[in-house]
PDB file of N, CA and C in Angstrom:
ATOM      1  N   MET A   1      -2.734  -9.625  14.185  1.00  0.00           N
ATOM      2  CA  MET A   1      -3.069  -9.109  12.856  1.00  0.00           C
ATOM      3  C   MET A   1      -3.070  -7.566  13.057  1.00  0.00           C
ATOM      4  N   SER A   2      -2.733  -7.129  11.865  1.00  0.00           N
ATOM      5  CA  SER A   2      -2.686  -5.644  11.754  1.00  0.00           C
ATOM      6  C   SER A   2      -3.606  -5.083  11.292  1.00  0.00           C
ATOM      7  N   ALA A   3      -4.074  -3.661  11.207  1.00  0.00           N
ATOM      8  CA  ALA A   3      -5.607  -3.153  10.809  1.00  0.00           C
ATOM      9  C   ALA A   3      -5.515  -3.173   9.019  1.00  0.00           C
ATOM     10  N   ARG A   4      -6.729  -3.133   8.895  1.00  0.00           N
ATOM     11  CA  ARG A   4      -7.129  -3.608   7.572  1.00  0.00           C
ATOM     12  C   ARG A   4      -8.384  -3.474   7.111  1.00  0.00           C
ATOM     13  N   TYR A   5      -8.551  -3.134   5.700  1.00  0.00           N
ATOM     14  CA  TYR A   5      -9.596  -2.656   5.147  1.00  0.00           C
ATOM     15  C   TYR A   5     -10.263  -4.283   4.544  1.00  0.00           C
ATOM     16  N   GLU A   6     -11.508  -4.477   4.683  1.00  0.00           N
ATOM     17  CA  GLU A   6     -11.506  -5.625   4.138  1.00  0.00           C
ATOM     18  C   GLU A   6     -13.037  -5.486   3.154  1.00  0.00           C
ATOM     19  N   LEU A   7     -13.380  -5.651   2.038  1.00  0.00           N
ATOM     20  CA  LEU A   7     -14.079  -5.309   0.738  1.00  0.00           C
ATOM     21  C   LEU A   7     -14.781  -6.802   0.808  1.00  0.00           C
ATOM     22  N   PHE A   8     -15.841  -6.977   0.888  1.00  0.00           N
ATOM     23  CA  PHE A   8     -17.118  -7.866   0.906  1.00  0.00           C
ATOM     24  C   PHE A   8     -18.293  -7.547   0.317  1.00  0.00           C
ATOM     25  N   THR A   9     -19.101  -8.963   0.012  1.00  0.00           N
ATOM     26  CA  THR A   9     -20.276  -8.819  -0.227  1.00  0.00           C
ATOM     27  C   THR A   9     -21.270  -9.252   0.637  1.00  0.00           C
ATOM     28  N   GLY A  10     -22.381  -8.359   0.366  1.00  0.00           N
ATOM     29  CA  GLY A  10     -23.479  -8.429   1.492  1.00  0.00           C
ATOM     30  C   GLY A  10     -24.629  -9.638   0.868  1.00  0.00           C
ATOM     31  N   SER A  11     -25.554  -9.997   1.853  1.00  0.00           N
ATOM     32  CA  SER A  11     -26.581 -10.878   1.155  1.00  0.00           C
ATOM     33  C   SER A  11     -27.471 -10.315   0.550  1.00  0.00           C
ATOM     34  N   ASN A  12     -27.487  -9.098   0.221  1.00  0.00           N
ATOM     35  CA  ASN A  12     -28.136  -8.417  -0.901  1.00  0.00           C
ATOM     36  C   ASN A  12     -27.519  -8.235  -1.855  1.00  0.00           C
ATOM     37  N   SER A  13     -26.385  -8.610  -2.138  1.00  0.00           N
ATOM     38  CA  SER A  13     -25.429  -8.638  -3.466  1.00  0.00           C
ATOM     39  C   SER A  13     -24.732  -7.524  -3.787  1.00  0.00           C
ATOM     40  N   GLN A  14     -24.876  -6.561  -2.553  1.00  0.00           N
ATOM     41  CA  GLN A  14     -24.116  -5.225  -2.855  1.00  0.00           C
ATOM     42  C   GLN A  14     -22.578  -5.058  -2.057  1.00  0.00           C
ATOM     43  N   TYR A  15     -21.975  -4.310  -2.563  1.00  0.00           N
ATOM     44  CA  TYR A  15     -20.499  -4.414  -1.897  1.00  0.00           C
ATOM     45  C   TYR A  15     -20.363  -3.435  -0.828  1.00  0.00           C
ATOM     46  N   TYR A  16     -19.499  -3.944   0.196  1.00  0.00           N
ATOM     47  CA  TYR A  16     -19.262  -3.110   1.356  1.00  0.00           C
ATOM     48  C   TYR A  16     -17.970  -3.096   1.648  1.00  0.00           C
ATOM     49  N   PHE A  17     -17.240  -2.277   2.820  1.00  0.00           N
ATOM     50  CA  PHE A  17     -15.949  -2.041   3.193  1.00  0.00           C
ATOM     51  C   PHE A  17     -16.198  -1.901   4.893  1.00  0.00           C
ATOM     52  N   ARG A  18     -15.298  -2.681   5.506  1.00  0.00           N
ATOM     53  CA  ARG A  18     -14.979  -2.077   6.869  1.00  0.00           C
ATOM     54  C   ARG A  18     -13.598  -1.793   6.859  1.00  0.00           C
ATOM     55  N   LEU A  19     -13.194  -1.041   8.042  1.00  0.00           N
ATOM     56  CA  LEU A  19     -12.058  -0.931   8.603  1.00  0.00           C
ATOM     57  C   LEU A  19     -12.138  -1.667   9.747  1.00  0.00           C
ATOM     58  N   LYS A  20     -10.883  -2.545  10.053  1.00  0.00           N
ATOM     59  CA  LYS A  20     -10.969  -3.100  11.405  1.00  0.00           C
ATOM     60  C   LYS A  20      -9.223  -2.953  11.804  1.00  0.00           C
ATOM     61  N   ALA A  21      -9.805  -2.791  13.081  1.00  0.00           N
ATOM     62  CA  ALA A  21      -8.165  -2.223  14.141  1.00  0.00           C
ATOM     63  C   ALA A  21      -7.442  -3.467  13.938  1.00  0.00           C
ATOM     64  N   SER A  22      -6.307  -3.623  14.644  1.00  0.00           N
ATOM     65  CA  SER A  22      -5.524  -4.666  14.950  1.00  0.00           C
ATOM     66  C   SER A  22      -6.048  -5.718  16.090  1.00  0.00           C
ATOM     67  N   ASN A  23      -7.059  -5.230  16.539  1.00  0.00           N
ATOM     68  CA  ASN A  23      -7.821  -6.084  17.541  1.00  0.00           C
ATOM     69  C   ASN A  23      -8.543  -6.698  16.821  1.00  0.00           C
ATOM     70  N   ASP A  24      -8.717  -6.783  15.485  1.00  0.00           N
ATOM     71  CA  ASP A  24      -9.997  -7.350  14.550  1.00  0.00           C
ATOM     72  C   ASP A  24     -11.621  -6.854  14.969  1.00  0.00           C
ATOM     73  N   LYS A  25     -11.495  -5.807  15.432  1.00  0.00           N
ATOM     74  CA  LYS A  25     -12.502  -5.164  15.904  1.00  0.00           C
ATOM     75  C   LYS A  25     -13.145  -3.968  14.789  1.00  0.00           C
ATOM     76  N   THR A  26     -14.281  -4.088  14.007  1.00  0.00           N
ATOM     77  CA  THR A  26     -14.675  -3.088  13.146  1.00  0.00           C
ATOM     78  C   THR A  26     -14.716  -1.764  13.748  1.00  0.00           C
ATOM     79  N   ILE A  27     -13.943  -0.832  13.057  1.00  0.00           N
ATOM     80  CA  ILE A  27     -14.273   0.563  13.918  1.00  0.00           C
ATOM     81  C   ILE A  27     -14.649   1.708  12.914  1.00  0.00           C
ATOM     82  N   LEU A  28     -15.230   1.041  11.559  1.00  0.00           N
ATOM     83  CA  LEU A  28     -16.038   1.623  10.535  1.00  0.00           C
ATOM     84  C   LEU A  28     -16.355   0.940   9.516  1.00  0.00           C
ATOM     85  N   GLN A  29     -17.943   1.368   9.165  1.00  0.00           N
ATOM     86  CA  GLN A  29     -18.186   0.245   7.816  1.00  0.00           C
ATOM     87  C   GLN A  29     -18.753   1.213   6.883  1.00  0.00           C
ATOM     88  N   SER A  30     -18.813   0.751   5.712  1.00  0.00           N
ATOM     89  CA  SER A  30     -19.719   1.446   4.332  1.00  0.00           C
ATOM     90  C   SER A  30     -21.116   0.957   4.429  1.00  0.00           C
ATOM     91  N   GLU A  31     -21.677   1.979   3.721  1.00  0.00           N
ATOM     92  CA  GLU A  31     -23.201   1.643   3.428  1.00  0.00           C
ATOM     93  C   GLU A  31     -22.879   0.606   1.998  1.00  0.00           C
ATOM     94  N   GLY A  32     -23.836   0.311   1.509  1.00  0.00           N
ATOM     95  CA  GLY A  32     -23.841  -0.872   0.347  1.00  0.00           C
ATOM     96  C   GLY A  32     -23.581   0.245  -0.934  1.00  0.00           C
ATOM     97  N   TYR A  33     -22.533  -0.622  -1.789  1.00  0.00           N
ATOM     98  CA  TYR A  33     -22.480  -0.154  -3.173  1.00  0.00           C
ATOM     99  C   TYR A  33     -22.680  -1.037  -4.406  1.00  0.00           C
ATOM    100  N   VAL A  34     -23.383  -0.431  -5.299  1.00  0.00           N
ATOM    101  CA  VAL A  34     -23.818  -1.191  -6.265  1.00  0.00           C
ATOM    102  C   VAL A  34     -22.808  -2.248  -7.073  1.00  0.00           C
ATOM    103  N   ASN A  35     -21.608  -1.457  -6.923  1.00  0.00           N
ATOM    104  CA  ASN A  35     -20.741  -2.147  -7.830  1.00  0.00           C
ATOM    105  C   ASN A  35     -19.109  -2.178  -7.021  1.00  0.00           C
ATOM    106  N   LYS A  36     -18.584  -3.108  -7.293  1.00  0.00           N
ATOM    107  CA  LYS A  36     -17.032  -3.041  -6.536  1.00  0.00           C
ATOM    108  C   LYS A  36     -16.434  -1.935  -6.653  1.00  0.00           C
ATOM    109  N   GLY A  37     -16.466  -1.217  -7.750  1.00  0.00           N
ATOM    110  CA  GLY A  37     -15.701  -0.002  -7.823  1.00  0.00           C
ATOM    111  C   GLY A  37     -15.872   1.163  -7.202  1.00  0.00           C
ATOM    112  N   GLY A  38     -17.257   1.011  -6.577  1.00  0.00           N
ATOM    113  CA  GLY A  38     -17.664   2.081  -5.993  1.00  0.00           C
ATOM    114  C   GLY A  38     -17.128   1.802  -4.709  1.00  0.00           C
ATOM    115  N   ALA A  39     -16.960   0.752  -3.864  1.00  0.00           N
ATOM    116  CA  ALA A  39     -16.718   0.192  -2.872  1.00  0.00           C
ATOM    117  C   ALA A  39     -15.242   0.591  -2.427  1.00  0.00           C
ATOM    118  N   GLN A  40     -14.681   0.201  -3.596  1.00  0.00           N
ATOM    119  CA  GLN A  40     -12.901   0.304  -3.857  1.00  0.00           C
ATOM    120  C   GLN A  40     -12.549   2.281  -3.558  1.00  0.00           C
ATOM    121  N   ASN A  41     -13.769   2.850  -4.530  1.00  0.00           N
ATOM    122  CA  ASN A  41     -13.420   4.256  -4.102  1.00  0.00           C
ATOM    123  C   ASN A  41     -13.788   4.983  -2.603  1.00  0.00           C
ATOM    124  N   GLY A  42     -14.849   4.518  -2.199  1.00  0.00           N
ATOM    125  CA  GLY A  42     -15.294   4.625  -0.817  1.00  0.00           C
ATOM    126  C   GLY A  42     -14.053   4.478   0.041  1.00  0.00           C
ATOM    127  N   VAL A  43     -12.955   3.434   0.051  1.00  0.00           N
ATOM    128  CA  VAL A  43     -11.836   2.890   0.628  1.00  0.00           C
ATOM    129  C   VAL A  43     -10.857   4.167   0.679  1.00  0.00           C
ATOM    130  N   GLU A  44     -10.640   4.465  -0.908  1.00  0.00           N
ATOM    131  CA  GLU A  44      -9.723   5.646  -0.981  1.00  0.00           C
ATOM    132  C   GLU A  44     -10.253   6.956  -0.370  1.00  0.00           C
ATOM    133  N   SER A  45     -11.618   6.976  -0.242  1.00  0.00           N
ATOM    134  CA  SER A  45     -12.197   8.466   0.235  1.00  0.00           C
ATOM    135  C   SER A  45     -11.836   8.063   1.831  1.00  0.00           C
ATOM    136  N   VAL A  46     -12.220   7.127   2.530  1.00  0.00           N
ATOM    137  CA  VAL A  46     -11.451   7.170   3.862  1.00  0.00           C
ATOM    138  C   VAL A  46      -9.887   7.240   4.050  1.00  0.00           C
ATOM    139  N   ARG A  47      -9.024   6.830   3.188  1.00  0.00           N
ATOM    140  CA  ARG A  47      -7.968   7.297   3.229  1.00  0.00           C
ATOM    141  C   ARG A  47      -7.479   8.706   3.271  1.00  0.00           C
ATOM    142  N   GLN A  48      -8.389   9.362   2.501  1.00  0.00           N
ATOM    143  CA  GLN A  48      -8.041  10.759   2.181  1.00  0.00           C
ATOM    144  C   GLN A  48      -8.485  11.887   3.354  1.00  0.00           C
ATOM    145  N   HIS A  49      -9.952  11.370   3.998  1.00  0.00           N
ATOM    146  CA  HIS A  49     -10.424  12.215   4.576  1.00  0.00           C
ATOM    147  C   HIS A  49      -9.912  11.882   6.203  1.00  0.00           C
ATOM    148  N   SER A  50      -9.663  10.411   6.162  1.00  0.00           N
ATOM    149  CA  SER A  50      -9.760   9.970   8.157  1.00  0.00           C
ATOM    150  C   SER A  50      -8.723  10.887   9.121  1.00  0.00           C
ATOM    151  N   PRO A  51      -7.531  11.411   8.033  1.00  0.00           N
ATOM    152  CA  PRO A  51      -6.626  12.406   8.833  1.00  0.00           C
ATOM    153  C   PRO A  51      -7.338  13.228   9.969  1.00  0.00           C
ATOM    154  N   PHE A  52      -8.421  13.760   9.197  1.00  0.00           N
ATOM    155  CA  PHE A  52      -8.811  14.992   9.669  1.00  0.00           C
ATOM    156  C   PHE A  52     -10.141  15.506  10.603  1.00  0.00           C
ATOM    157  N   ASP A  53      -9.913  16.117  11.562  1.00  0.00           N
ATOM    158  CA  ASP A  53     -11.279  15.852  12.669  1.00  0.00           C
ATOM    159  C   ASP A  53     -12.374  16.368  11.937  1.00  0.00           C
ATOM    160  N   LYS A  54     -12.502  17.402  10.839  1.00  0.00           N
ATOM    161  CA  LYS A  54     -13.330  17.965  10.618  1.00  0.00           C
ATOM    162  C   LYS A  54     -14.407  17.064   9.909  1.00  0.00           C
ATOM    163  N   PHE A  55     -13.777  16.034   9.354  1.00  0.00           N
ATOM    164  CA  PHE A  55     -15.007  15.154   9.025  1.00  0.00           C
ATOM    165  C   PHE A  55     -15.750  14.301   9.326  1.00  0.00           C
ATOM    166  N   TYR A  56     -15.094  14.279  10.894  1.00  0.00           N
ATOM    167  CA  TYR A  56     -15.931  13.408  11.865  1.00  0.00           C
ATOM    168  C   TYR A  56     -17.349  14.410  12.300  1.00  0.00           C
ATOM    169  N   ASP A  57     -18.525  13.439  12.508  1.00  0.00           N
ATOM    170  CA  ASP A  57     -19.377  13.875  13.217  1.00  0.00           C
ATOM    171  C   ASP A  57     -19.785  12.751  14.307  1.00  0.00           C
ATOM    172  N   ARG A  58     -19.582  13.495  15.590  1.00  0.00           N
ATOM    173  CA  ARG A  58     -19.592  12.829  17.192  1.00  0.00           C
ATOM    174  C   ARG A  58     -21.716  12.549  17.589  1.00  0.00           C
ATOM    175  N   ARG A  59     -21.871  11.706  17.466  1.00  0.00           N
ATOM    176  CA  ARG A  59     -23.222  11.650  17.573  1.00  0.00           C
ATOM    177  C   ARG A  59     -23.563  10.487  18.686  1.00  0.00           C
ATOM    178  N   THR A  60     -24.716  10.569  19.163  1.00  0.00           N
ATOM    179  CA  THR A  60     -25.381   9.603  20.160  1.00  0.00           C
ATOM    180  C   THR A  60     -26.812   9.259  19.606  1.00  0.00           C
ATOM    181  N   SER A  61     -27.030   7.687  19.768  1.00  0.00           N
ATOM    182  CA  SER A  61     -28.210   7.123  19.303  1.00  0.00           C
ATOM    183  C   SER A  61     -29.446   7.464  19.783  1.00  0.00           C
ATOM    184  N   ASN A  62     -30.633   7.057  19.543  1.00  0.00           N
ATOM    185  CA  ASN A  62     -31.569   7.111  20.399  1.00  0.00           C
ATOM    186  C   ASN A  62     -31.542   6.442  21.399  1.00  0.00           C
ATOM    187  N   ALA A  63     -30.487   5.426  21.451  1.00  0.00           N
ATOM    188  CA  ALA A  63     -30.475   4.384  23.104  1.00  0.00           C
ATOM    189  C   ALA A  63     -29.489   4.977  23.444  1.00  0.00           C
ATOM    190  N   ARG A  64     -29.057   6.272  23.376  1.00  0.00           N
ATOM    191  CA  ARG A  64     -27.892   7.238  24.209  1.00  0.00           C
ATOM    192  C   ARG A  64     -26.723   6.531  24.176  1.00  0.00           C
ATOM    193  N   GLU A  65     -26.001   5.751  22.818  1.00  0.00           N
ATOM    194  CA  GLU A  65     -25.005   4.872  22.640  1.00  0.00           C
ATOM    195  C   GLU A  65     -24.040   5.989  21.838  1.00  0.00           C
ATOM    196  N   PRO A  66     -22.733   6.312  21.982  1.00  0.00           N
ATOM    197  CA  PRO A  66     -22.112   7.260  21.321  1.00  0.00           C
ATOM    198  C   PRO A  66     -21.690   6.302  19.963  1.00  0.00           C
ATOM    199  N   TYR A  67     -21.512   7.165  18.681  1.00  0.00           N
ATOM    200  CA  TYR A  67     -21.319   6.826  17.529  1.00  0.00           C
ATOM    201  C   TYR A  67     -20.447   7.743  17.127  1.00  0.00           C
ATOM    202  N   PHE A  68     -19.807   7.314  15.839  1.00  0.00           N
ATOM    203  CA  PHE A  68     -19.714   8.653  14.967  1.00  0.00           C
ATOM    204  C   PHE A  68     -19.774   8.249  13.579  1.00  0.00           C
ATOM    205  N   VAL A  69     -19.931   9.393  12.482  1.00  0.00           N
ATOM    206  CA  VAL A  69     -19.840   9.137  11.236  1.00  0.00           C
ATOM    207  C   VAL A  69     -18.408   9.991  10.513  1.00  0.00           C
ATOM    208  N   LEU A  70     -18.254   9.411   9.375  1.00  0.00           N
ATOM    209  CA  LEU A  70     -17.281   9.885   8.825  1.00  0.00           C
ATOM    210  C   LEU A  70     -17.531  10.493   7.325  1.00  0.00           C
ATOM    211  N   TYR A  71     -17.554  11.596   7.258  1.00  0.00           N
ATOM    212  CA  TYR A  71     -18.055  12.362   5.843  1.00  0.00           C
ATOM    213  C   TYR A  71     -16.759  12.605   4.841  1.00  0.00           C
ATOM    214  N   ALA A  72     -17.387  12.642   3.720  1.00  0.00           N
ATOM    215  CA  ALA A  72     -16.543  13.213   2.599  1.00  0.00           C
ATOM    216  C   ALA A  72     -16.586  14.875   2.383  1.00  0.00           C
ATOM    217  N   SER A  73     -15.348  15.296   1.520  1.00  0.00           N
ATOM    218  CA  SER A  73     -15.799  16.709   1.713  1.00  0.00           C
ATOM    219  C   SER A  73     -17.031  17.188   0.578  1.00  0.00           C
ATOM    220  N   ASN A  74     -17.547  16.127   0.149  1.00  0.00           N
ATOM    221  CA  ASN A  74     -19.056  16.677  -0.584  1.00  0.00           C
ATOM    222  C   ASN A  74     -20.168  16.511   0.227  1.00  0.00           C
ATOM    223  N   GLY A  75     -19.791  16.273   1.790  1.00  0.00           N
ATOM    224  CA  GLY A  75     -21.236  15.971   2.153  1.00  0.00           C
ATOM    225  C   GLY A  75     -21.647  14.750   2.387  1.00  0.00           C
ATOM    226  N   LYS A  76     -21.272  13.630   1.779  1.00  0.00           N
ATOM    227  CA  LYS A  76     -21.605  12.518   2.038  1.00  0.00           C
ATOM    228  C   LYS A  76     -20.955  11.554   3.035  1.00  0.00           C
ATOM    229  N   ILE A  77     -21.703  10.653   3.482  1.00  0.00           N
ATOM    230  CA  ILE A  77     -21.252   9.737   4.431  1.00  0.00           C
ATOM    231  C   ILE A  77     -20.625   8.841   3.862  1.00  0.00           C
ATOM    232  N   ILE A  78     -19.169   8.396   4.342  1.00  0.00           N
ATOM    233  CA  ILE A  78     -18.104   7.310   3.803  1.00  0.00           C
ATOM    234  C   ILE A  78     -18.557   6.174   4.744  1.00  0.00           C
ATOM    235  N   GLY A  79     -18.876   6.232   5.905  1.00  0.00           N
ATOM    236  CA  GLY A  79     -18.858   4.973   6.843  1.00  0.00           C
ATOM    237  C   GLY A  79     -19.746   5.495   8.420  1.00  0.00           C
ATOM    238  N   THR A  80     -19.974   4.503   9.172  1.00  0.00           N
ATOM    239  CA  THR A  80     -20.448   4.631  10.205  1.00  0.00           C
ATOM    240  C   THR A  80     -19.966   3.751  11.257  1.00  0.00           C
ATOM    241  N   SER A  81     -19.212   4.157  12.291  1.00  0.00           N
ATOM    242  CA  SER A  81     -19.071   3.165  13.181  1.00  0.00           C
ATOM    243  C   SER A  81     -19.603   2.540  14.204  1.00  0.00           C
ATOM    244  N   GLN A  82     -19.321   1.632  14.952  1.00  0.00           N
ATOM    245  CA  GLN A  82     -20.054   0.827  15.927  1.00  0.00           C
ATOM    246  C   GLN A  82     -20.596   1.669  16.943  1.00  0.00           C
ATOM    247  N   MET A  83     -21.468   0.967  17.562  1.00  0.00           N
ATOM    248  CA  MET A  83     -22.094   1.953  18.756  1.00  0.00           C
ATOM    249  C   MET A  83     -20.664   1.399  20.226  1.00  0.00           C
ATOM    250  N   TYR A  84     -20.802   2.762  20.846  1.00  0.00           N
ATOM    251  CA  TYR A  84     -19.621   2.464  21.948  1.00  0.00           C
ATOM    252  C   TYR A  84     -20.689   2.858  23.417  1.00  0.00           C
ATOM    253  N   SER A  85     -19.749   2.069  24.234  1.00  0.00           N
ATOM    254  CA  SER A  85     -20.142   2.167  25.738  1.00  0.00           C
ATOM    255  C   SER A  85     -19.808   3.884  26.209  1.00  0.00           C
ATOM    256  N   SER A  86     -19.302   4.565  26.093  1.00  0.00           N
ATOM    257  CA  SER A  86     -18.956   5.979  26.348  1.00  0.00           C
ATOM    258  C   SER A  86     -18.532   6.674  25.337  1.00  0.00           C
ATOM    259  N   THR A  87     -18.512   7.935  25.493  1.00  0.00           N
ATOM    260  CA  THR A  87     -18.097   8.903  24.410  1.00  0.00           C
ATOM    261  C   THR A  87     -16.522   8.850  24.687  1.00  0.00           C
ATOM    262  N   TYR A  88     -15.687   8.361  25.538  1.00  0.00           N
ATOM    263  CA  TYR A  88     -14.498   8.291  25.834  1.00  0.00           C
ATOM    264  C   TYR A  88     -14.021   7.042  24.729  1.00  0.00           C
ATOM    265  N   ALA A  89     -14.700   6.121  24.560  1.00  0.00           N
ATOM    266  CA  ALA A  89     -14.741   4.953  23.583  1.00  0.00           C
ATOM    267  C   ALA A  89     -14.760   5.157  22.528  1.00  0.00           C
ATOM    268  N   ARG A  90     -15.552   6.163  22.093  1.00  0.00           N
ATOM    269  CA  ARG A  90     -16.188   6.853  20.937  1.00  0.00           C
ATOM    270  C   ARG A  90     -14.828   7.675  20.153  1.00  0.00           C
ATOM    271  N   ASP A  91     -14.259   8.317  21.172  1.00  0.00           N
ATOM    272  CA  ASP A  91     -13.182   9.252  20.850  1.00  0.00           C
ATOM    273  C   ASP A  91     -12.322   8.413  20.510  1.00  0.00           C
ATOM    274  N   GLU A  92     -11.806   7.484  21.129  1.00  0.00           N
ATOM    275  CA  GLU A  92     -10.972   6.393  20.816  1.00  0.00           C
ATOM    276  C   GLU A  92     -10.905   5.527  19.529  1.00  0.00           C
ATOM    277  N   GLY A  93     -12.164   5.570  19.570  1.00  0.00           N
ATOM    278  CA  GLY A  93     -12.549   4.641  17.908  1.00  0.00           C
ATOM    279  C   GLY A  93     -11.999   5.449  16.867  1.00  0.00           C
ATOM    280  N   ILE A  94     -12.527   7.047  16.914  1.00  0.00           N
ATOM    281  CA  ILE A  94     -12.021   8.187  16.160  1.00  0.00           C
ATOM    282  C   ILE A  94     -10.316   8.162  16.027  1.00  0.00           C
ATOM    283  N   ALA A  95      -9.729   7.913  16.823  1.00  0.00           N
ATOM    284  CA  ALA A  95      -8.479   7.840  16.767  1.00  0.00           C
ATOM    285  C   ALA A  95      -7.607   6.888  16.225  1.00  0.00           C
ATOM    286  N   SER A  96      -8.275   5.823  16.230  1.00  0.00           N
ATOM    287  CA  SER A  96      -7.680   4.608  15.700  1.00  0.00           C
ATOM    288  C   SER A  96      -8.085   4.738  14.109  1.00  0.00           C
ATOM    289  N   VAL A  97      -9.412   5.318  13.930  1.00  0.00           N
ATOM    290  CA  VAL A  97      -9.436   5.500  12.177  1.00  0.00           C
ATOM    291  C   VAL A  97      -8.341   6.326  11.680  1.00  0.00           C
ATOM    292  N   LYS A  98      -7.995   7.579  12.249  1.00  0.00           N
ATOM    293  CA  LYS A  98      -7.234   8.383  11.946  1.00  0.00           C
ATOM    294  C   LYS A  98      -6.002   8.062  11.771  1.00  0.00           C
ATOM    295  N   GLN A  99      -5.612   7.063  13.103  1.00  0.00           N
ATOM    296  CA  GLN A  99      -4.209   6.292  12.792  1.00  0.00           C
ATOM    297  C   GLN A  99      -4.238   5.457  11.729  1.00  0.00           C
ATOM    298  N   ASN A 100      -5.037   4.996  11.689  1.00  0.00           N
ATOM    299  CA  ASN A 100      -5.043   3.331  10.731  1.00  0.00           C
ATOM    300  C   ASN A 100      -5.778   3.856   9.125  1.00  0.00           C
ATOM    301  N   GLY A 101      -6.482   4.508   9.205  1.00  0.00           N
ATOM    302  CA  GLY A 101      -7.389   5.068   7.655  1.00  0.00           C
ATOM    303  C   GLY A 101      -6.517   5.141   6.833  1.00  0.00           C
ATOM    304  N   PRO A 102      -5.226   6.167   7.139  1.00  0.00           N
ATOM    305  CA  PRO A 102      -4.843   6.278   5.572  1.00  0.00           C
ATOM    306  C   PRO A 102      -3.834   5.263   4.836  1.00  0.00           C
ATOM    307  N   ASN A 103      -3.194   4.610   5.654  1.00  0.00           N
ATOM    308  CA  ASN A 103      -2.629   3.515   5.081  1.00  0.00           C
ATOM    309  C   ASN A 103      -2.814   1.792   5.042  1.00  0.00           C
ATOM    310  N   ALA A 104      -3.845   1.669   5.811  1.00  0.00           N
ATOM    311  CA  ALA A 104      -4.468   0.248   6.009  1.00  0.00           C
ATOM    312  C   ALA A 104      -4.510  -0.313   4.884  1.00  0.00           C
ATOM    313  N   PRO A 105      -3.911  -1.489   4.646  1.00  0.00           N
ATOM    314  CA  PRO A 105      -3.931  -2.273   3.359  1.00  0.00           C
ATOM    315  C   PRO A 105      -5.422  -2.793   3.019  1.00  0.00           C
ATOM    316  N   LEU A 106      -5.839  -2.653   1.792  1.00  0.00           N
ATOM    317  CA  LEU A 106      -7.107  -3.645   1.313  1.00  0.00           C
ATOM    318  C   LEU A 106      -7.215  -5.195   1.132  1.00  0.00           C
ATOM    319  N   VAL A 107      -7.756  -5.840   1.931  1.00  0.00           N
ATOM    320  CA  VAL A 107      -7.886  -7.388   1.830  1.00  0.00           C
ATOM    321  C   VAL A 107      -9.559  -7.582   1.037  1.00  0.00           C
ATOM    322  N   ASP A 108      -9.295  -8.094  -0.293  1.00  0.00           N
ATOM    323  CA  ASP A 108     -10.739  -8.260  -1.024  1.00  0.00           C
ATOM    324  C   ASP A 108     -11.159 -10.051  -0.802  1.00  0.00           C
ATOM    325  N   LEU A 109     -12.294  -9.715  -0.186  1.00  0.00           N
ATOM    326  CA  LEU A 109     -12.930 -10.926   0.279  1.00  0.00           C
ATOM    327  C   LEU A 109     -13.794 -11.344  -0.558  1.00  0.00           C
ATOM    328  N   THR A 110     -14.038 -10.885  -1.609  1.00  0.00           N
ATOM    329  CA  THR A 110     -15.224 -10.625  -2.650  1.00  0.00           C
ATOM    330  C   THR A 110     -14.730 -12.083  -3.324  1.00  0.00           C
TER     331      THR A 110
END
């Protein structure tokens, strides 16, 4: 299966999106949106910002697990990655978002 965005609703009735790599692993997930249009705009924001390294913040959790956050040009968080086992794996995740983010199709699961 190819990389794709999935639009879905959570148990709290909010809308979310996630970017899945071709291996079906989630590489980026959004925060909740009150309406579907907000989540769709979030996908467009990832498409716009994901190619550029300056919008990524490489972080380490309190449990010392590397992860990253993708920001929009207005400074708001667009999405957060999974926790990775190493900084190398995290950087590979960023590379995957850079590669797949701009053109992955959107699958509406709502």
